């Protein structure tokens, strides 16, 4: 299972970062948004999705991690790592291998 490095969890809104992805890309930018969303409690699912949006002058890159508890045998093993993608081209840019701060 592919996953993001643990350091992504420490990225906060406003942070200047340089990300290296599993596809070999280096992305420099500012964390413009970090959102946490919970599953609708009426579904019985216990899940929290954290999404990061890293922006520079050329692009917006988005990636997320879903944490949770299995509520049925069909649920995935948590955490679930969603690969980063370029929001404009909708192309996948891989998983985050490293995070560096200037």
PDB file of N, CA and C in Angstrom:
ATOM      1  N   UNK A   1       0.841  -1.173   0.000  1.00  0.00           N
ATOM      2  CA  UNK A   1       0.000   0.000   0.000  1.00  0.00           C
ATOM      3  C   UNK A   1       0.895   1.248   0.000  1.00  0.00           C
ATOM      4  N   UNK A   2       0.627   2.139  -0.917  1.00  0.00           N
ATOM      5  CA  UNK A   2       1.386   3.393  -0.990  1.00  0.00           C
ATOM      6  C   UNK A   2       0.860   4.359   0.065  1.00  0.00           C
ATOM      7  N   UNK A   3       1.766   5.179   0.571  1.00  0.00           N
ATOM      8  CA  UNK A   3       1.349   6.119   1.603  1.00  0.00           C
ATOM      9  C   UNK A   3       2.228   7.362   1.598  1.00  0.00           C
ATOM     10  N   UNK A   4       1.733   8.419   2.222  1.00  0.00           N
ATOM     11  CA  UNK A   4       2.493   9.646   2.400  1.00  0.00           C
ATOM     12  C   UNK A   4       3.413   9.483   3.610  1.00  0.00           C
ATOM     13  N   UNK A   5       4.515  10.223   3.616  1.00  0.00           N
ATOM     14  CA  UNK A   5       5.410  10.192   4.777  1.00  0.00           C
ATOM     15  C   UNK A   5       4.696  10.824   5.984  1.00  0.00           C
ATOM     16  N   UNK A   6       5.140  10.467   7.164  1.00  0.00           N
ATOM     17  CA  UNK A   6       4.501  10.962   8.389  1.00  0.00           C
ATOM     18  C   UNK A   6       4.581  12.477   8.535  1.00  0.00           C
ATOM     19  N   UNK A   7       5.586  13.101   7.952  1.00  0.00           N
ATOM     20  CA  UNK A   7       5.784  14.541   8.100  1.00  0.00           C
ATOM     21  C   UNK A   7       4.646  15.375   7.510  1.00  0.00           C
ATOM     22  N   UNK A   8       3.860  14.804   6.584  1.00  0.00           N
ATOM     23  CA  UNK A   8       2.763  15.596   6.007  1.00  0.00           C
ATOM     24  C   UNK A   8       1.748  15.996   7.069  1.00  0.00           C
ATOM     25  N   UNK A   9       1.615  15.193   8.094  1.00  0.00           N
ATOM     26  CA  UNK A   9       0.634  15.489   9.148  1.00  0.00           C
ATOM     27  C   UNK A   9       0.963  16.777   9.900  1.00  0.00           C
ATOM     28  N   UNK A  10       2.233  17.206   9.837  1.00  0.00           N
ATOM     29  CA  UNK A  10       2.664  18.408  10.547  1.00  0.00           C
ATOM     30  C   UNK A  10       2.502  19.690   9.727  1.00  0.00           C
ATOM     31  N   UNK A  11       2.152  19.569   8.448  1.00  0.00           N
ATOM     32  CA  UNK A  11       1.988  20.753   7.607  1.00  0.00           C
ATOM     33  C   UNK A  11       0.743  21.510   8.058  1.00  0.00           C
ATOM     34  N   UNK A  12       0.918  22.811   8.292  1.00  0.00           N
ATOM     35  CA  UNK A  12      -0.188  23.677   8.721  1.00  0.00           C
ATOM     36  C   UNK A  12      -0.451  24.742   7.666  1.00  0.00           C
ATOM     37  N   UNK A  13      -1.649  25.294   7.717  1.00  0.00           N
ATOM     38  CA  UNK A  13      -2.004  26.368   6.808  1.00  0.00           C
ATOM     39  C   UNK A  13      -1.001  27.505   6.957  1.00  0.00           C
ATOM     40  N   UNK A  14      -0.510  28.011   5.829  1.00  0.00           N
ATOM     41  CA  UNK A  14       0.462  29.094   5.822  1.00  0.00           C
ATOM     42  C   UNK A  14       1.905  28.634   5.729  1.00  0.00           C
ATOM     43  N   UNK A  15       2.175  27.352   5.946  1.00  0.00           N
ATOM     44  CA  UNK A  15       3.540  26.834   5.874  1.00  0.00           C
ATOM     45  C   UNK A  15       4.059  26.862   4.437  1.00  0.00           C
ATOM     46  N   UNK A  16       5.319  27.292   4.288  1.00  0.00           N
ATOM     47  CA  UNK A  16       6.037  27.189   3.018  1.00  0.00           C
ATOM     48  C   UNK A  16       6.735  25.833   3.035  1.00  0.00           C
ATOM     49  N   UNK A  17       6.490  25.003   2.013  1.00  0.00           N
ATOM     50  CA  UNK A  17       7.059  23.656   1.995  1.00  0.00           C
ATOM     51  C   UNK A  17       7.598  23.302   0.614  1.00  0.00           C
ATOM     52  N   UNK A  18       8.505  22.341   0.624  1.00  0.00           N
ATOM     53  CA  UNK A  18       8.959  21.700  -0.604  1.00  0.00           C
ATOM     54  C   UNK A  18       8.643  20.226  -0.449  1.00  0.00           C
ATOM     55  N   UNK A  19       7.829  19.713  -1.349  1.00  0.00           N
ATOM     56  CA  UNK A  19       7.407  18.312  -1.316  1.00  0.00           C
ATOM     57  C   UNK A  19       8.109  17.543  -2.417  1.00  0.00           C
ATOM     58  N   UNK A  20       8.517  16.325  -2.119  1.00  0.00           N
ATOM     59  CA  UNK A  20       9.038  15.416  -3.130  1.00  0.00           C
ATOM     60  C   UNK A  20       8.057  14.260  -3.208  1.00  0.00           C
ATOM     61  N   UNK A  21       7.661  13.896  -4.434  1.00  0.00           N
ATOM     62  CA  UNK A  21       6.658  12.845  -4.610  1.00  0.00           C
ATOM     63  C   UNK A  21       7.283  11.559  -5.131  1.00  0.00           C
ATOM     64  N   UNK A  22       6.516  10.492  -5.075  1.00  0.00           N
ATOM     65  CA  UNK A  22       6.970   9.187  -5.550  1.00  0.00           C
ATOM     66  C   UNK A  22       7.166   9.160  -7.060  1.00  0.00           C
ATOM     67  N   UNK A  23       6.635  10.155  -7.779  1.00  0.00           N
ATOM     68  CA  UNK A  23       6.860  10.225  -9.225  1.00  0.00           C
ATOM     69  C   UNK A  23       8.089  11.051  -9.558  1.00  0.00           C
ATOM     70  N   UNK A  24       8.808  11.526  -8.513  1.00  0.00           N
ATOM     71  CA  UNK A  24      10.028  12.278  -8.722  1.00  0.00           C
ATOM     72  C   UNK A  24       9.839  13.778  -8.841  1.00  0.00           C
ATOM     73  N   UNK A  25       8.622  14.245  -8.691  1.00  0.00           N
ATOM     74  CA  UNK A  25       8.374  15.685  -8.772  1.00  0.00           C
ATOM     75  C   UNK A  25       8.773  16.384  -7.486  1.00  0.00           C
ATOM     76  N   UNK A  26       9.235  17.611  -7.632  1.00  0.00           N
ATOM     77  CA  UNK A  26       9.492  18.487  -6.501  1.00  0.00           C
ATOM     78  C   UNK A  26       8.494  19.637  -6.611  1.00  0.00           C
ATOM     79  N   UNK A  27       7.712  19.828  -5.568  1.00  0.00           N
ATOM     80  CA  UNK A  27       6.672  20.851  -5.567  1.00  0.00           C
ATOM     81  C   UNK A  27       6.953  21.824  -4.437  1.00  0.00           C
ATOM     82  N   UNK A  28       7.195  23.072  -4.797  1.00  0.00           N
ATOM     83  CA  UNK A  28       7.391  24.123  -3.800  1.00  0.00           C
ATOM     84  C   UNK A  28       6.118  24.946  -3.753  1.00  0.00           C
ATOM     85  N   UNK A  29       5.679  25.283  -2.549  1.00  0.00           N
ATOM     86  CA  UNK A  29       4.477  26.098  -2.443  1.00  0.00           C
ATOM     87  C   UNK A  29       4.100  26.382  -1.007  1.00  0.00           C
ATOM     88  N   UNK A  30       2.942  27.002  -0.864  1.00  0.00           N
ATOM     89  CA  UNK A  30       2.398  27.379   0.433  1.00  0.00           C
ATOM     90  C   UNK A  30       1.158  26.551   0.696  1.00  0.00           C
ATOM     91  N   UNK A  31       1.019  26.076   1.931  1.00  0.00           N
ATOM     92  CA  UNK A  31      -0.207  25.369   2.305  1.00  0.00           C
ATOM     93  C   UNK A  31      -1.312  26.415   2.432  1.00  0.00           C
ATOM     94  N   UNK A  32      -2.163  26.469   1.430  1.00  0.00           N
ATOM     95  CA  UNK A  32      -3.241  27.459   1.401  1.00  0.00           C
ATOM     96  C   UNK A  32      -4.432  27.028   2.242  1.00  0.00           C
ATOM     97  N   UNK A  33      -4.563  25.728   2.461  1.00  0.00           N
ATOM     98  CA  UNK A  33      -5.715  25.250   3.226  1.00  0.00           C
ATOM     99  C   UNK A  33      -5.413  23.858   3.766  1.00  0.00           C
ATOM    100  N   UNK A  34      -5.858  23.625   4.983  1.00  0.00           N
ATOM    101  CA  UNK A  34      -5.819  22.300   5.606  1.00  0.00           C
ATOM    102  C   UNK A  34      -7.192  22.103   6.216  1.00  0.00           C
ATOM    103  N   UNK A  35      -7.913  21.130   5.696  1.00  0.00           N
ATOM    104  CA  UNK A  35      -9.285  20.898   6.151  1.00  0.00           C
ATOM    105  C   UNK A  35      -9.394  19.537   6.823  1.00  0.00           C
ATOM    106  N   UNK A  36     -10.238  19.497   7.839  1.00  0.00           N
ATOM    107  CA  UNK A  36     -10.590  18.223   8.476  1.00  0.00           C
ATOM    108  C   UNK A  36     -12.088  18.052   8.336  1.00  0.00           C
ATOM    109  N   UNK A  37     -12.489  16.883   7.852  1.00  0.00           N
ATOM    110  CA  UNK A  37     -13.908  16.589   7.666  1.00  0.00           C
ATOM    111  C   UNK A  37     -14.216  15.239   8.294  1.00  0.00           C
ATOM    112  N   UNK A  38     -15.358  15.180   8.934  1.00  0.00           N
ATOM    113  CA  UNK A  38     -15.801  13.933   9.553  1.00  0.00           C
ATOM    114  C   UNK A  38     -16.941  13.330   8.754  1.00  0.00           C
ATOM    115  N   UNK A  39     -17.064  12.010   8.824  1.00  0.00           N
ATOM    116  CA  UNK A  39     -18.173  11.327   8.164  1.00  0.00           C
ATOM    117  C   UNK A  39     -19.476  11.740   8.836  1.00  0.00           C
ATOM    118  N   UNK A  40     -20.541  11.699   8.089  1.00  0.00           N
ATOM    119  CA  UNK A  40     -21.869  12.001   8.624  1.00  0.00           C
ATOM    120  C   UNK A  40     -22.180  10.961   9.703  1.00  0.00           C
ATOM    121  N   UNK A  41     -22.444  11.390  10.938  1.00  0.00           N
ATOM    122  CA  UNK A  41     -22.681  10.428  12.025  1.00  0.00           C
ATOM    123  C   UNK A  41     -23.869   9.508  11.770  1.00  0.00           C
ATOM    124  N   UNK A  42     -24.782   9.916  10.912  1.00  0.00           N
ATOM    125  CA  UNK A  42     -25.950   9.067  10.617  1.00  0.00           C
ATOM    126  C   UNK A  42     -25.566   7.811   9.855  1.00  0.00           C
ATOM    127  N   UNK A  43     -24.365   7.808   9.231  1.00  0.00           N
ATOM    128  CA  UNK A  43     -23.932   6.632   8.472  1.00  0.00           C
ATOM    129  C   UNK A  43     -23.364   5.555   9.384  1.00  0.00           C
ATOM    130  N   UNK A  44     -23.015   5.941  10.608  1.00  0.00           N
ATOM    131  CA  UNK A  44     -22.396   4.995  11.523  1.00  0.00           C
ATOM    132  C   UNK A  44     -20.902   4.850  11.311  1.00  0.00           C
ATOM    133  N   UNK A  45     -20.356   5.564  10.320  1.00  0.00           N
ATOM    134  CA  UNK A  45     -18.930   5.489  10.057  1.00  0.00           C
ATOM    135  C   UNK A  45     -18.172   6.439  10.976  1.00  0.00           C
ATOM    136  N   UNK A  46     -17.027   5.986  11.435  1.00  0.00           N
ATOM    137  CA  UNK A  46     -16.158   6.830  12.242  1.00  0.00           C
ATOM    138  C   UNK A  46     -14.933   7.096  11.391  1.00  0.00           C
ATOM    139  N   UNK A  47     -14.966   8.267  10.717  1.00  0.00           N
ATOM    140  CA  UNK A  47     -13.890   8.624   9.794  1.00  0.00           C
ATOM    141  C   UNK A  47     -13.600  10.109   9.869  1.00  0.00           C
ATOM    142  N   UNK A  48     -12.332  10.439   9.703  1.00  0.00           N
ATOM    143  CA  UNK A  48     -11.919  11.834   9.605  1.00  0.00           C
ATOM    144  C   UNK A  48     -10.966  11.942   8.420  1.00  0.00           C
ATOM    145  N   UNK A  49     -11.279  12.845   7.512  1.00  0.00           N
ATOM    146  CA  UNK A  49     -10.433  13.089   6.348  1.00  0.00           C
ATOM    147  C   UNK A  49      -9.709  14.403   6.541  1.00  0.00           C
ATOM    148  N   UNK A  50      -8.388  14.367   6.404  1.00  0.00           N
ATOM    149  CA  UNK A  50      -7.581  15.587   6.431  1.00  0.00           C
ATOM    150  C   UNK A  50      -7.081  15.811   5.012  1.00  0.00           C
ATOM    151  N   UNK A  51      -7.314  17.027   4.496  1.00  0.00           N
ATOM    152  CA  UNK A  51      -6.929  17.371   3.141  1.00  0.00           C
ATOM    153  C   UNK A  51      -6.029  18.605   3.163  1.00  0.00           C
ATOM    154  N   UNK A  52      -4.925  18.532   2.431  1.00  0.00           N
ATOM    155  CA  UNK A  52      -3.984  19.645   2.315  1.00  0.00           C
ATOM    156  C   UNK A  52      -4.025  20.176   0.893  1.00  0.00           C
ATOM    157  N   UNK A  53      -3.937  21.507   0.759  1.00  0.00           N
ATOM    158  CA  UNK A  53      -3.885  22.156  -0.546  1.00  0.00           C
ATOM    159  C   UNK A  53      -2.622  23.012  -0.584  1.00  0.00           C
ATOM    160  N   UNK A  54      -1.680  22.617  -1.448  1.00  0.00           N
ATOM    161  CA  UNK A  54      -0.399  23.303  -1.579  1.00  0.00           C
ATOM    162  C   UNK A  54      -0.426  24.065  -2.908  1.00  0.00           C
ATOM    163  N   UNK A  55      -0.194  25.381  -2.828  1.00  0.00           N
ATOM    164  CA  UNK A  55      -0.308  26.201  -4.028  1.00  0.00           C
ATOM    165  C   UNK A  55       0.967  26.996  -4.274  1.00  0.00           C
ATOM    166  N   UNK A  56       1.306  27.109  -5.553  1.00  0.00           N
ATOM    167  CA  UNK A  56       2.354  28.029  -5.987  1.00  0.00           C
ATOM    168  C   UNK A  56       1.806  28.781  -7.187  1.00  0.00           C
ATOM    169  N   UNK A  57       2.632  29.549  -7.864  1.00  0.00           N
ATOM    170  CA  UNK A  57       2.128  30.378  -8.959  1.00  0.00           C
ATOM    171  C   UNK A  57       1.639  29.562 -10.150  1.00  0.00           C
ATOM    172  N   UNK A  58       2.083  28.314 -10.269  1.00  0.00           N
ATOM    173  CA  UNK A  58       1.753  27.497 -11.430  1.00  0.00           C
ATOM    174  C   UNK A  58       0.633  26.482 -11.202  1.00  0.00           C
ATOM    175  N   UNK A  59       0.412  26.069  -9.951  1.00  0.00           N
ATOM    176  CA  UNK A  59      -0.535  24.964  -9.743  1.00  0.00           C
ATOM    177  C   UNK A  59      -1.017  24.859  -8.311  1.00  0.00           C
ATOM    178  N   UNK A  60      -2.056  24.067  -8.158  1.00  0.00           N
ATOM    179  CA  UNK A  60      -2.604  23.723  -6.847  1.00  0.00           C
ATOM    180  C   UNK A  60      -2.547  22.206  -6.737  1.00  0.00           C
ATOM    181  N   UNK A  61      -1.827  21.701  -5.723  1.00  0.00           N
ATOM    182  CA  UNK A  61      -1.692  20.263  -5.508  1.00  0.00           C
ATOM    183  C   UNK A  61      -2.450  19.902  -4.235  1.00  0.00           C
ATOM    184  N   UNK A  62      -3.243  18.840  -4.317  1.00  0.00           N
ATOM    185  CA  UNK A  62      -4.109  18.432  -3.214  1.00  0.00           C
ATOM    186  C   UNK A  62      -3.817  16.970  -2.868  1.00  0.00           C
ATOM    187  N   UNK A  63      -3.763  16.666  -1.561  1.00  0.00           N
ATOM    188  CA  UNK A  63      -3.627  15.281  -1.127  1.00  0.00           C
ATOM    189  C   UNK A  63      -4.345  15.115   0.202  1.00  0.00           C
ATOM    190  N   UNK A  64      -4.660  13.860   0.564  1.00  0.00           N
ATOM    191  CA  UNK A  64      -5.426  13.644   1.793  1.00  0.00           C
ATOM    192  C   UNK A  64      -5.109  12.295   2.427  1.00  0.00           C
ATOM    193  N   UNK A  65      -5.502  12.222   3.711  1.00  0.00           N
ATOM    194  CA  UNK A  65      -5.403  10.985   4.489  1.00  0.00           C
ATOM    195  C   UNK A  65      -6.743  10.792   5.198  1.00  0.00           C
ATOM    196  N   UNK A  66      -7.273   9.582   5.114  1.00  0.00           N
ATOM    197  CA  UNK A  66      -8.524   9.242   5.799  1.00  0.00           C
ATOM    198  C   UNK A  66      -8.189   8.329   6.965  1.00  0.00           C
ATOM    199  N   UNK A  67      -8.560   8.758   8.166  1.00  0.00           N
ATOM    200  CA  UNK A  67      -8.386   7.958   9.388  1.00  0.00           C
ATOM    201  C   UNK A  67      -9.759   7.424   9.783  1.00  0.00           C
ATOM    202  N   UNK A  68      -9.800   6.277  10.428  1.00  0.00           N
ATOM    203  CA  UNK A  68     -11.096   5.792  10.862  1.00  0.00           C
ATOM    204  C   UNK A  68     -11.042   4.428  11.507  1.00  0.00           C
ATOM    205  N   UNK A  69     -12.213   3.970  11.823  1.00  0.00           N
ATOM    206  CA  UNK A  69     -12.396   2.627  12.382  1.00  0.00           C
ATOM    207  C   UNK A  69     -13.278   1.836  11.429  1.00  0.00           C
ATOM    208  N   UNK A  70     -12.965   0.578  11.272  1.00  0.00           N
ATOM    209  CA  UNK A  70     -13.790  -0.273  10.418  1.00  0.00           C
ATOM    210  C   UNK A  70     -15.172  -0.411  11.040  1.00  0.00           C
ATOM    211  N   UNK A  71     -16.185  -0.103  10.244  1.00  0.00           N
ATOM    212  CA  UNK A  71     -17.546  -0.290  10.738  1.00  0.00           C
ATOM    213  C   UNK A  71     -18.229  -1.460  10.037  1.00  0.00           C
ATOM    214  N   UNK A  72     -17.568  -2.019   9.040  1.00  0.00           N
ATOM    215  CA  UNK A  72     -18.068  -3.224   8.376  1.00  0.00           C
ATOM    216  C   UNK A  72     -16.872  -3.954   7.767  1.00  0.00           C
ATOM    217  N   UNK A  73     -17.028  -5.237   7.478  1.00  0.00           N
ATOM    218  CA  UNK A  73     -15.913  -5.999   6.897  1.00  0.00           C
ATOM    219  C   UNK A  73     -15.461  -5.463   5.544  1.00  0.00           C
ATOM    220  N   UNK A  74     -16.336  -4.735   4.850  1.00  0.00           N
ATOM    221  CA  UNK A  74     -16.001  -4.195   3.535  1.00  0.00           C
ATOM    222  C   UNK A  74     -15.177  -2.919   3.607  1.00  0.00           C
ATOM    223  N   UNK A  75     -15.074  -2.323   4.785  1.00  0.00           N
ATOM    224  CA  UNK A  75     -14.301  -1.093   4.926  1.00  0.00           C
ATOM    225  C   UNK A  75     -12.812  -1.381   4.733  1.00  0.00           C
ATOM    226  N   UNK A  76     -12.079  -0.377   4.256  1.00  0.00           N
ATOM    227  CA  UNK A  76     -10.636  -0.564   4.082  1.00  0.00           C
ATOM    228  C   UNK A  76      -9.914  -0.530   5.425  1.00  0.00           C
ATOM    229  N   UNK A  77      -8.672  -0.973   5.415  1.00  0.00           N
ATOM    230  CA  UNK A  77      -7.821  -0.803   6.588  1.00  0.00           C
ATOM    231  C   UNK A  77      -7.388   0.661   6.619  1.00  0.00           C
ATOM    232  N   UNK A  78      -7.421   1.263   7.787  1.00  0.00           N
ATOM    233  CA  UNK A  78      -7.062   2.668   7.928  1.00  0.00           C
ATOM    234  C   UNK A  78      -5.653   2.789   8.469  1.00  0.00           C
ATOM    235  N   UNK A  79      -4.953   3.869   8.162  1.00  0.00           N
ATOM    236  CA  UNK A  79      -5.379   5.015   7.366  1.00  0.00           C
ATOM    237  C   UNK A  79      -5.346   4.706   5.865  1.00  0.00           C
ATOM    238  N   UNK A  80      -6.130   5.492   5.112  1.00  0.00           N
ATOM    239  CA  UNK A  80      -6.167   5.400   3.658  1.00  0.00           C
ATOM    240  C   UNK A  80      -5.498   6.657   3.115  1.00  0.00           C
ATOM    241  N   UNK A  81      -4.501   6.484   2.290  1.00  0.00           N
ATOM    242  CA  UNK A  81      -3.754   7.598   1.721  1.00  0.00           C
ATOM    243  C   UNK A  81      -4.224   7.832   0.291  1.00  0.00           C
ATOM    244  N   UNK A  82      -4.708   9.036   0.024  1.00  0.00           N
ATOM    245  CA  UNK A  82      -5.126   9.397  -1.329  1.00  0.00           C
ATOM    246  C   UNK A  82      -3.934  10.076  -2.004  1.00  0.00           C
ATOM    247  N   UNK A  83      -3.580   9.646  -3.214  1.00  0.00           N
ATOM    248  CA  UNK A  83      -2.424  10.248  -3.865  1.00  0.00           C
ATOM    249  C   UNK A  83      -2.641  11.730  -4.151  1.00  0.00           C
ATOM    250  N   UNK A  84      -1.537  12.459  -4.224  1.00  0.00           N
ATOM    251  CA  UNK A  84      -1.611  13.883  -4.555  1.00  0.00           C
ATOM    252  C   UNK A  84      -1.976  14.019  -6.030  1.00  0.00           C
ATOM    253  N   UNK A  85      -2.709  15.088  -6.336  1.00  0.00           N
ATOM    254  CA  UNK A  85      -3.057  15.353  -7.717  1.00  0.00           C
ATOM    255  C   UNK A  85      -2.999  16.846  -7.974  1.00  0.00           C
ATOM    256  N   UNK A  86      -2.777  17.168  -9.245  1.00  0.00           N
ATOM    257  CA  UNK A  86      -2.780  18.555  -9.702  1.00  0.00           C
ATOM    258  C   UNK A  86      -4.228  18.924  -9.939  1.00  0.00           C
ATOM    259  N   UNK A  87      -4.725  19.888  -9.204  1.00  0.00           N
ATOM    260  CA  UNK A  87      -6.139  20.235  -9.258  1.00  0.00           C
ATOM    261  C   UNK A  87      -6.573  20.748 -10.627  1.00  0.00           C
ATOM    262  N   UNK A  88      -5.680  21.418 -11.359  1.00  0.00           N
ATOM    263  CA  UNK A  88      -6.047  21.970 -12.668  1.00  0.00           C
ATOM    264  C   UNK A  88      -6.056  20.907 -13.762  1.00  0.00           C
ATOM    265  N   UNK A  89      -4.989  20.133 -13.853  1.00  0.00           N
ATOM    266  CA  UNK A  89      -4.902  19.120 -14.910  1.00  0.00           C
ATOM    267  C   UNK A  89      -5.580  17.813 -14.511  1.00  0.00           C
ATOM    268  N   UNK A  90      -5.869  17.672 -13.218  1.00  0.00           N
ATOM    269  CA  UNK A  90      -6.457  16.456 -12.654  1.00  0.00           C
ATOM    270  C   UNK A  90      -5.546  15.241 -12.845  1.00  0.00           C
ATOM    271  N   UNK A  91      -4.236  15.498 -12.953  1.00  0.00           N
ATOM    272  CA  UNK A  91      -3.267  14.417 -13.076  1.00  0.00           C
ATOM    273  C   UNK A  91      -2.709  14.055 -11.710  1.00  0.00           C
ATOM    274  N   UNK A  92      -2.551  12.767 -11.492  1.00  0.00           N
ATOM    275  CA  UNK A  92      -1.964  12.292 -10.243  1.00  0.00           C
ATOM    276  C   UNK A  92      -0.468  12.577 -10.251  1.00  0.00           C
ATOM    277  N   UNK A  93       0.049  13.063  -9.116  1.00  0.00           N
ATOM    278  CA  UNK A  93       1.484  13.342  -9.011  1.00  0.00           C
ATOM    279  C   UNK A  93       2.163  12.442  -7.975  1.00  0.00           C
ATOM    280  N   UNK A  94       1.464  11.439  -7.478  1.00  0.00           N
ATOM    281  CA  UNK A  94       2.059  10.456  -6.579  1.00  0.00           C
ATOM    282  C   UNK A  94       1.812  10.739  -5.110  1.00  0.00           C
ATOM    283  N   UNK A  95       2.561  10.027  -4.281  1.00  0.00           N
ATOM    284  CA  UNK A  95       2.467  10.167  -2.834  1.00  0.00           C
ATOM    285  C   UNK A  95       3.640  11.026  -2.355  1.00  0.00           C
ATOM    286  N   UNK A  96       3.449  11.699  -1.240  1.00  0.00           N
ATOM    287  CA  UNK A  96       4.471  12.585  -0.716  1.00  0.00           C
ATOM    288  C   UNK A  96       5.523  11.757   0.025  1.00  0.00           C
ATOM    289  N   UNK A  97       6.768  11.797  -0.475  1.00  0.00           N
ATOM    290  CA  UNK A  97       7.869  11.050   0.129  1.00  0.00           C
ATOM    291  C   UNK A  97       8.615  11.855   1.176  1.00  0.00           C
ATOM    292  N   UNK A  98       8.690  13.186   0.957  1.00  0.00           N
ATOM    293  CA  UNK A  98       9.400  14.012   1.935  1.00  0.00           C
ATOM    294  C   UNK A  98       8.832  15.422   1.944  1.00  0.00           C
ATOM    295  N   UNK A  99       8.986  16.062   3.098  1.00  0.00           N
ATOM    296  CA  UNK A  99       8.555  17.445   3.306  1.00  0.00           C
ATOM    297  C   UNK A  99       9.754  18.203   3.843  1.00  0.00           C
ATOM    298  N   UNK A 100      10.057  19.339   3.221  1.00  0.00           N
ATOM    299  CA  UNK A 100      11.138  20.195   3.715  1.00  0.00           C
ATOM    300  C   UNK A 100      10.608  21.600   3.862  1.00  0.00           C
ATOM    301  N   UNK A 101      11.102  22.284   4.881  1.00  0.00           N
ATOM    302  CA  UNK A 101      10.746  23.674   5.134  1.00  0.00           C
ATOM    303  C   UNK A 101      11.945  24.538   4.791  1.00  0.00           C
ATOM    304  N   UNK A 102      11.712  25.719   4.210  1.00  0.00           N
ATOM    305  CA  UNK A 102      12.863  26.577   3.841  1.00  0.00           C
ATOM    306  C   UNK A 102      13.670  27.009   5.049  1.00  0.00           C
TER     307      UNK A 102
END
